[in-house]
Amino acid sequence: MIYLEFGNKKEDYEKSNIDYDEKTKYKYKIECIKCGQNFYRQRYNRNFTKKYRCGKCGGRFKVNELN
């Protein structure tokens, strides 16, 4: 299920170790339900939440669509 929420990509990237690039257009924000770690994707696989787990804590992901 895709949740329509908005996030601040620049703030999220400052917390992570990935460089923020304004040129790259991301459509989806992936968030771990358990630990809250965020990352961004350009494409969405409908089985993403079933196939993958968080590498940090093993929690499940929630997919947010960005506009």
PDB file of N, CA and C in Angstrom:
ATOM      1  N   MET A   1       0.847  -1.170   0.000  1.00  0.00           N
ATOM      2  CA  MET A   1       0.000   0.000   0.000  1.00  0.00           C
ATOM      3  C   MET A   1       0.896   1.238   0.000  1.00  0.00           C
ATOM      4  N   ILE A   2       0.543   2.216  -0.775  1.00  0.00           N
ATOM      5  CA  ILE A   2       1.327   3.446  -0.889  1.00  0.00           C
ATOM      6  C   ILE A   2       0.634   4.536  -0.086  1.00  0.00           C
ATOM      7  N   TYR A   3       1.374   5.157   0.810  1.00  0.00           N
ATOM      8  CA  TYR A   3       0.847   6.240   1.631  1.00  0.00           C
ATOM      9  C   TYR A   3       1.278   7.567   1.031  1.00  0.00           C
ATOM     10  N   LEU A   4       0.368   8.514   0.922  1.00  0.00           N
ATOM     11  CA  LEU A   4       0.699   9.831   0.386  1.00  0.00           C
ATOM     12  C   LEU A   4       1.142  10.735   1.530  1.00  0.00           C
ATOM     13  N   GLU A   5       2.429  10.825   1.712  1.00  0.00           N
ATOM     14  CA  GLU A   5       3.008  11.686   2.738  1.00  0.00           C
ATOM     15  C   GLU A   5       4.137  12.465   2.095  1.00  0.00           C
ATOM     16  N   PHE A   6       4.460  13.570   2.686  1.00  0.00           N
ATOM     17  CA  PHE A   6       5.530  14.395   2.163  1.00  0.00           C
ATOM     18  C   PHE A   6       6.677  14.407   3.164  1.00  0.00           C
ATOM     19  N   GLY A   7       7.888  14.376   2.656  1.00  0.00           N
ATOM     20  CA  GLY A   7       9.066  14.416   3.497  1.00  0.00           C
ATOM     21  C   GLY A   7      10.019  15.480   2.990  1.00  0.00           C
ATOM     22  N   ASN A   8      10.940  15.865   3.827  1.00  0.00           N
ATOM     23  CA  ASN A   8      11.956  16.818   3.435  1.00  0.00           C
ATOM     24  C   ASN A   8      13.210  16.026   3.093  1.00  0.00           C
ATOM     25  N   LYS A   9      13.477  15.858   1.792  1.00  0.00           N
ATOM     26  CA  LYS A   9      14.581  15.024   1.353  1.00  0.00           C
ATOM     27  C   LYS A   9      15.922  15.555   1.842  1.00  0.00           C
ATOM     28  N   LYS A  10      16.079  16.870   1.827  1.00  0.00           N
ATOM     29  CA  LYS A  10      17.368  17.450   2.205  1.00  0.00           C
ATOM     30  C   LYS A  10      17.701  17.140   3.671  1.00  0.00           C
ATOM     31  N   GLU A  11      16.719  17.264   4.553  1.00  0.00           N
ATOM     32  CA  GLU A  11      16.944  16.946   5.973  1.00  0.00           C
ATOM     33  C   GLU A  11      17.230  15.469   6.164  1.00  0.00           C
ATOM     34  N   ASP A  12      16.512  14.614   5.461  1.00  0.00           N
ATOM     35  CA  ASP A  12      16.725  13.174   5.576  1.00  0.00           C
ATOM     36  C   ASP A  12      18.115  12.781   5.090  1.00  0.00           C
ATOM     37  N   TYR A  13      18.580  13.419   4.013  1.00  0.00           N
ATOM     38  CA  TYR A  13      19.905  13.100   3.500  1.00  0.00           C
ATOM     39  C   TYR A  13      21.004  13.609   4.432  1.00  0.00           C
ATOM     40  N   GLU A  14      20.767  14.700   5.161  1.00  0.00           N
ATOM     41  CA  GLU A  14      21.764  15.187   6.120  1.00  0.00           C
ATOM     42  C   GLU A  14      21.957  14.175   7.245  1.00  0.00           C
ATOM     43  N   LYS A  15      20.907  13.440   7.601  1.00  0.00           N
ATOM     44  CA  LYS A  15      20.988  12.426   8.647  1.00  0.00           C
ATOM     45  C   LYS A  15      21.676  11.158   8.154  1.00  0.00           C
ATOM     46  N   SER A  16      21.630  10.897   6.844  1.00  0.00           N
ATOM     47  CA  SER A  16      22.223   9.683   6.292  1.00  0.00           C
ATOM     48  C   SER A  16      23.623   9.979   5.770  1.00  0.00           C
ATOM     49  N   ASN A  17      24.274   8.958   5.228  1.00  0.00           N
ATOM     50  CA  ASN A  17      25.619   9.124   4.692  1.00  0.00           C
ATOM     51  C   ASN A  17      25.612   9.273   3.171  1.00  0.00           C
ATOM     52  N   ILE A  18      24.435   9.477   2.555  1.00  0.00           N
ATOM     53  CA  ILE A  18      24.313   9.618   1.110  1.00  0.00           C
ATOM     54  C   ILE A  18      24.246  11.099   0.762  1.00  0.00           C
ATOM     55  N   ASP A  19      24.960  11.496  -0.295  1.00  0.00           N
ATOM     56  CA  ASP A  19      24.951  12.888  -0.735  1.00  0.00           C
ATOM     57  C   ASP A  19      23.611  13.247  -1.349  1.00  0.00           C
ATOM     58  N   TYR A  20      23.114  14.426  -1.030  1.00  0.00           N
ATOM     59  CA  TYR A  20      21.844  14.916  -1.577  1.00  0.00           C
ATOM     60  C   TYR A  20      22.095  15.545  -2.928  1.00  0.00           C
ATOM     61  N   ASP A  21      21.364  15.102  -3.937  1.00  0.00           N
ATOM     62  CA  ASP A  21      21.510  15.612  -5.295  1.00  0.00           C
ATOM     63  C   ASP A  21      20.163  16.139  -5.756  1.00  0.00           C
ATOM     64  N   GLU A  22      20.064  17.450  -5.951  1.00  0.00           N
ATOM     65  CA  GLU A  22      18.805  18.082  -6.341  1.00  0.00           C
ATOM     66  C   GLU A  22      18.387  17.696  -7.758  1.00  0.00           C
ATOM     67  N   LYS A  23      19.331  17.280  -8.602  1.00  0.00           N
ATOM     68  CA  LYS A  23      19.031  16.926  -9.987  1.00  0.00           C
ATOM     69  C   LYS A  23      18.256  15.611 -10.089  1.00  0.00           C
ATOM     70  N   THR A  24      18.492  14.702  -9.185  1.00  0.00           N
ATOM     71  CA  THR A  24      17.827  13.414  -9.225  1.00  0.00           C
ATOM     72  C   THR A  24      16.402  13.556  -8.715  1.00  0.00           C
ATOM     73  N   LYS A  25      15.459  13.078  -9.494  1.00  0.00           N
ATOM     74  CA  LYS A  25      14.049  13.148  -9.120  1.00  0.00           C
ATOM     75  C   LYS A  25      13.622  11.803  -8.540  1.00  0.00           C
ATOM     76  N   TYR A  26      13.290  11.789  -7.282  1.00  0.00           N
ATOM     77  CA  TYR A  26      12.831  10.578  -6.627  1.00  0.00           C
ATOM     78  C   TYR A  26      11.310  10.596  -6.530  1.00  0.00           C
ATOM     79  N   LYS A  27      10.691   9.448  -6.707  1.00  0.00           N
ATOM     80  CA  LYS A  27       9.242   9.349  -6.656  1.00  0.00           C
ATOM     81  C   LYS A  27       8.753   8.702  -5.366  1.00  0.00           C
ATOM     82  N   TYR A  28       9.631   7.940  -4.703  1.00  0.00           N
ATOM     83  CA  TYR A  28       9.209   7.189  -3.523  1.00  0.00           C
ATOM     84  C   TYR A  28      10.185   7.364  -2.368  1.00  0.00           C
ATOM     85  N   LYS A  29       9.638   7.498  -1.195  1.00  0.00           N
ATOM     86  CA  LYS A  29      10.423   7.536   0.036  1.00  0.00           C
ATOM     87  C   LYS A  29      10.122   6.239   0.783  1.00  0.00           C
ATOM     88  N   ILE A  30      11.155   5.468   1.089  1.00  0.00           N
ATOM     89  CA  ILE A  30      11.010   4.201   1.790  1.00  0.00           C
ATOM     90  C   ILE A  30      11.434   4.428   3.231  1.00  0.00           C
ATOM     91  N   GLU A  31      10.583   4.024   4.170  1.00  0.00           N
ATOM     92  CA  GLU A  31      10.863   4.248   5.585  1.00  0.00           C
ATOM     93  C   GLU A  31      10.699   2.939   6.353  1.00  0.00           C
ATOM     94  N   CYS A  32      11.647   2.652   7.222  1.00  0.00           N
ATOM     95  CA  CYS A  32      11.552   1.480   8.087  1.00  0.00           C
ATOM     96  C   CYS A  32      10.553   1.791   9.197  1.00  0.00           C
ATOM     97  N   ILE A  33       9.612   0.906   9.404  1.00  0.00           N
ATOM     98  CA  ILE A  33       8.588   1.114  10.427  1.00  0.00           C
ATOM     99  C   ILE A  33       9.183   1.009  11.827  1.00  0.00           C
ATOM    100  N   LYS A  34      10.177   0.143  11.992  1.00  0.00           N
ATOM    101  CA  LYS A  34      10.744  -0.130  13.313  1.00  0.00           C
ATOM    102  C   LYS A  34      11.752   0.935  13.780  1.00  0.00           C
ATOM    103  N   CYS A  35      12.752   1.248  12.934  1.00  0.00           N
ATOM    104  CA  CYS A  35      13.814   2.177  13.370  1.00  0.00           C
ATOM    105  C   CYS A  35      13.708   3.560  12.737  1.00  0.00           C
ATOM    106  N   GLY A  36      12.892   3.723  11.693  1.00  0.00           N
ATOM    107  CA  GLY A  36      12.696   5.034  11.094  1.00  0.00           C
ATOM    108  C   GLY A  36      13.724   5.446  10.058  1.00  0.00           C
ATOM    109  N   GLN A  37      14.609   4.530   9.632  1.00  0.00           N
ATOM    110  CA  GLN A  37      15.604   4.862   8.614  1.00  0.00           C
ATOM    111  C   GLN A  37      14.903   5.132   7.287  1.00  0.00           C
ATOM    112  N   ASN A  38      15.340   6.168   6.562  1.00  0.00           N
ATOM    113  CA  ASN A  38      14.726   6.571   5.299  1.00  0.00           C
ATOM    114  C   ASN A  38      15.707   6.454   4.155  1.00  0.00           C
ATOM    115  N   PHE A  39      15.193   6.117   2.966  1.00  0.00           N
ATOM    116  CA  PHE A  39      15.948   6.229   1.727  1.00  0.00           C
ATOM    117  C   PHE A  39      14.965   6.439   0.595  1.00  0.00           C
ATOM    118  N   TYR A  40      15.457   6.807  -0.570  1.00  0.00           N
ATOM    119  CA  TYR A  40      14.614   7.202  -1.684  1.00  0.00           C
ATOM    120  C   TYR A  40      14.844   6.305  -2.883  1.00  0.00           C
ATOM    121  N   ARG A  41      13.792   6.118  -3.680  1.00  0.00           N
ATOM    122  CA  ARG A  41      13.865   5.313  -4.898  1.00  0.00           C
ATOM    123  C   ARG A  41      13.151   6.027  -6.039  1.00  0.00           C
ATOM    124  N   GLN A  42      13.608   5.768  -7.252  1.00  0.00           N
ATOM    125  CA  GLN A  42      12.968   6.331  -8.430  1.00  0.00           C
ATOM    126  C   GLN A  42      11.874   5.412  -8.947  1.00  0.00           C
ATOM    127  N   ARG A  43      12.052   4.111  -8.760  1.00  0.00           N
ATOM    128  CA  ARG A  43      11.066   3.135  -9.219  1.00  0.00           C
ATOM    129  C   ARG A  43      10.580   2.312  -8.039  1.00  0.00           C
ATOM    130  N   TYR A  44       9.392   1.760  -8.190  1.00  0.00           N
ATOM    131  CA  TYR A  44       8.771   0.992  -7.117  1.00  0.00           C
ATOM    132  C   TYR A  44       8.416  -0.397  -7.630  1.00  0.00           C
ATOM    133  N   ASN A  45       8.853  -1.402  -6.910  1.00  0.00           N
ATOM    134  CA  ASN A  45       8.506  -2.784  -7.183  1.00  0.00           C
ATOM    135  C   ASN A  45       7.358  -3.151  -6.250  1.00  0.00           C
ATOM    136  N   ARG A  46       6.259  -3.645  -6.772  1.00  0.00           N
ATOM    137  CA  ARG A  46       5.092  -3.894  -5.925  1.00  0.00           C
ATOM    138  C   ARG A  46       5.354  -4.948  -4.862  1.00  0.00           C
ATOM    139  N   ASN A  47       6.360  -5.787  -5.048  1.00  0.00           N
ATOM    140  CA  ASN A  47       6.713  -6.791  -4.053  1.00  0.00           C
ATOM    141  C   ASN A  47       7.838  -6.320  -3.130  1.00  0.00           C
ATOM    142  N   PHE A  48       8.187  -5.050  -3.192  1.00  0.00           N
ATOM    143  CA  PHE A  48       9.322  -4.519  -2.425  1.00  0.00           C
ATOM    144  C   PHE A  48       9.161  -4.756  -0.925  1.00  0.00           C
ATOM    145  N   THR A  49       7.965  -4.460  -0.396  1.00  0.00           N
ATOM    146  CA  THR A  49       7.751  -4.602   1.047  1.00  0.00           C
ATOM    147  C   THR A  49       7.706  -6.060   1.474  1.00  0.00           C
ATOM    148  N   LYS A  50       7.407  -6.969   0.571  1.00  0.00           N
ATOM    149  CA  LYS A  50       7.389  -8.402   0.894  1.00  0.00           C
ATOM    150  C   LYS A  50       8.781  -9.003   0.808  1.00  0.00           C
ATOM    151  N   LYS A  51       9.588  -8.534  -0.152  1.00  0.00           N
ATOM    152  CA  LYS A  51      10.901  -9.119  -0.418  1.00  0.00           C
ATOM    153  C   LYS A  51      11.993  -8.635   0.527  1.00  0.00           C
ATOM    154  N   TYR A  52      11.967  -7.346   0.878  1.00  0.00           N
ATOM    155  CA  TYR A  52      13.109  -6.732   1.557  1.00  0.00           C
ATOM    156  C   TYR A  52      12.787  -6.333   2.987  1.00  0.00           C
ATOM    157  N   ARG A  53      13.827  -6.344   3.814  1.00  0.00           N
ATOM    158  CA  ARG A  53      13.756  -5.898   5.204  1.00  0.00           C
ATOM    159  C   ARG A  53      14.885  -4.915   5.458  1.00  0.00           C
ATOM    160  N   CYS A  54      14.752  -4.158   6.534  1.00  0.00           N
ATOM    161  CA  CYS A  54      15.767  -3.179   6.919  1.00  0.00           C
ATOM    162  C   CYS A  54      17.059  -3.905   7.315  1.00  0.00           C
ATOM    163  N   GLY A  55      18.188  -3.401   6.827  1.00  0.00           N
ATOM    164  CA  GLY A  55      19.477  -3.995   7.154  1.00  0.00           C
ATOM    165  C   GLY A  55      19.936  -3.659   8.561  1.00  0.00           C
ATOM    166  N   LYS A  56      19.421  -2.577   9.114  1.00  0.00           N
ATOM    167  CA  LYS A  56      19.807  -2.141  10.454  1.00  0.00           C
ATOM    168  C   LYS A  56      19.125  -2.957  11.546  1.00  0.00           C
ATOM    169  N   CYS A  57      17.788  -3.060  11.446  1.00  0.00           N
ATOM    170  CA  CYS A  57      17.021  -3.656  12.547  1.00  0.00           C
ATOM    171  C   CYS A  57      16.182  -4.863  12.130  1.00  0.00           C
ATOM    172  N   GLY A  58      16.038  -5.104  10.828  1.00  0.00           N
ATOM    173  CA  GLY A  58      15.230  -6.225  10.365  1.00  0.00           C
ATOM    174  C   GLY A  58      13.747  -5.916  10.263  1.00  0.00           C
ATOM    175  N   GLY A  59      13.376  -4.644  10.411  1.00  0.00           N
ATOM    176  CA  GLY A  59      11.974  -4.238  10.358  1.00  0.00           C
ATOM    177  C   GLY A  59      11.443  -4.177   8.932  1.00  0.00           C
ATOM    178  N   ARG A  60      10.153  -4.035   8.827  1.00  0.00           N
ATOM    179  CA  ARG A  60       9.485  -3.924   7.521  1.00  0.00           C
ATOM    180  C   ARG A  60       9.494  -2.479   7.037  1.00  0.00           C
ATOM    181  N   PHE A  61       9.245  -2.299   5.734  1.00  0.00           N
ATOM    182  CA  PHE A  61       9.260  -0.975   5.128  1.00  0.00           C
ATOM    183  C   PHE A  61       7.849  -0.458   4.861  1.00  0.00           C
ATOM    184  N   LYS A  62       7.735   0.864   4.885  1.00  0.00           N
ATOM    185  CA  LYS A  62       6.519   1.568   4.486  1.00  0.00           C
ATOM    186  C   LYS A  62       6.908   2.457   3.309  1.00  0.00           C
ATOM    187  N   VAL A  63       6.133   2.411   2.232  1.00  0.00           N
ATOM    188  CA  VAL A  63       6.425   3.166   1.020  1.00  0.00           C
ATOM    189  C   VAL A  63       5.556   4.413   0.969  1.00  0.00           C
ATOM    190  N   ASN A  64       6.191   5.573   0.822  1.00  0.00           N
ATOM    191  CA  ASN A  64       5.483   6.847   0.706  1.00  0.00           C
ATOM    192  C   ASN A  64       5.726   7.409  -0.684  1.00  0.00           C
ATOM    193  N   GLU A  65       4.675   7.798  -1.365  1.00  0.00           N
ATOM    194  CA  GLU A  65       4.814   8.376  -2.700  1.00  0.00           C
ATOM    195  C   GLU A  65       4.999   9.883  -2.568  1.00  0.00           C
ATOM    196  N   LEU A  66       6.045  10.394  -3.242  1.00  0.00           N
ATOM    197  CA  LEU A  66       6.323  11.825  -3.242  1.00  0.00           C
ATOM    198  C   LEU A  66       5.722  12.437  -4.491  1.00  0.00           C
ATOM    199  N   ASN A  67       5.305  13.666  -4.394  1.00  0.00           N
ATOM    200  CA  ASN A  67       4.740  14.347  -5.560  1.00  0.00           C
ATOM    201  C   ASN A  67       5.759  15.209  -6.233  1.00  0.00           C
TER     202      ASN A  67
END
